[in-house]
Structures are given as C-alpha cells and as structure tokens.
Amino acid sequence: MSRGQHRQANRHPKSSRGGRLMANGRALDDTKATAASWDYPLNSVIRVTGQTKTNVACLVADRGPARKLYQTGRLLDLSKRAFQAVCGDLRQGLCEVEIEEVRP
C-alpha cells in the first residue's frame, strides 16, 4: 500500500454486536480503535485521518470490508471509536480517509 492513500472507510457492520470474534482471534470491542482491511497485515498499526482532521492509530484486527464493497473502493471497516474520531457523525456511515501504515 502506498503511503498517504486516500480511500473510503465505513463503520464496521458488526460493531454494534460486541463480542464477535475478529480474524485475529480477539473479540470485537467498539471502545478500541480497530480496523478491518484486506490490504494491511493482521496486527499491523495504521494511522487513519478523516474529515475531522483528527488522526487515530488503529490496530488491523479483522478482514473486510465485504468483497463487493471493497471492489467499489472501500478500503476499511472502522470500529465505532475509530470512525467517530476520524469521521465525526456516526450516522453518515461512510467517509473519505487518508491511511498510512505505522507499523507492519
């Protein structure tokens, strides 16, 4: 992945159902900044910056978004905490973000 890539992110669709196991074996916790991605290795850390100009370090803990959404340009599913920090309003559901890998 290129540094400073601009793509779309959405809130993790299963985030309202806490406790679901993610690909890294841990339970989904909406109070932590986590992301689901096909492009970054599991347990890597990425910096996500959104329209609020706030950035948040997210642990890549799951795979996603759904393949059909990924093919249309969505690169990340974000936990509730991460989405709210970088995108603001949870109701919008989708926002443009800049992604930078911090630690593989």
Foldseek 3Di string as FASTA:
>chain_A
DDFFDKFKEFADPCQVVWQDAAPQGGTRDLVAKAKAFPPDDAQFWKWKAFPVRFIDIHGHHHHDDDPVVVVVTHGIHIRNNRCCRHPNDNVVGMGMITMGTDGD
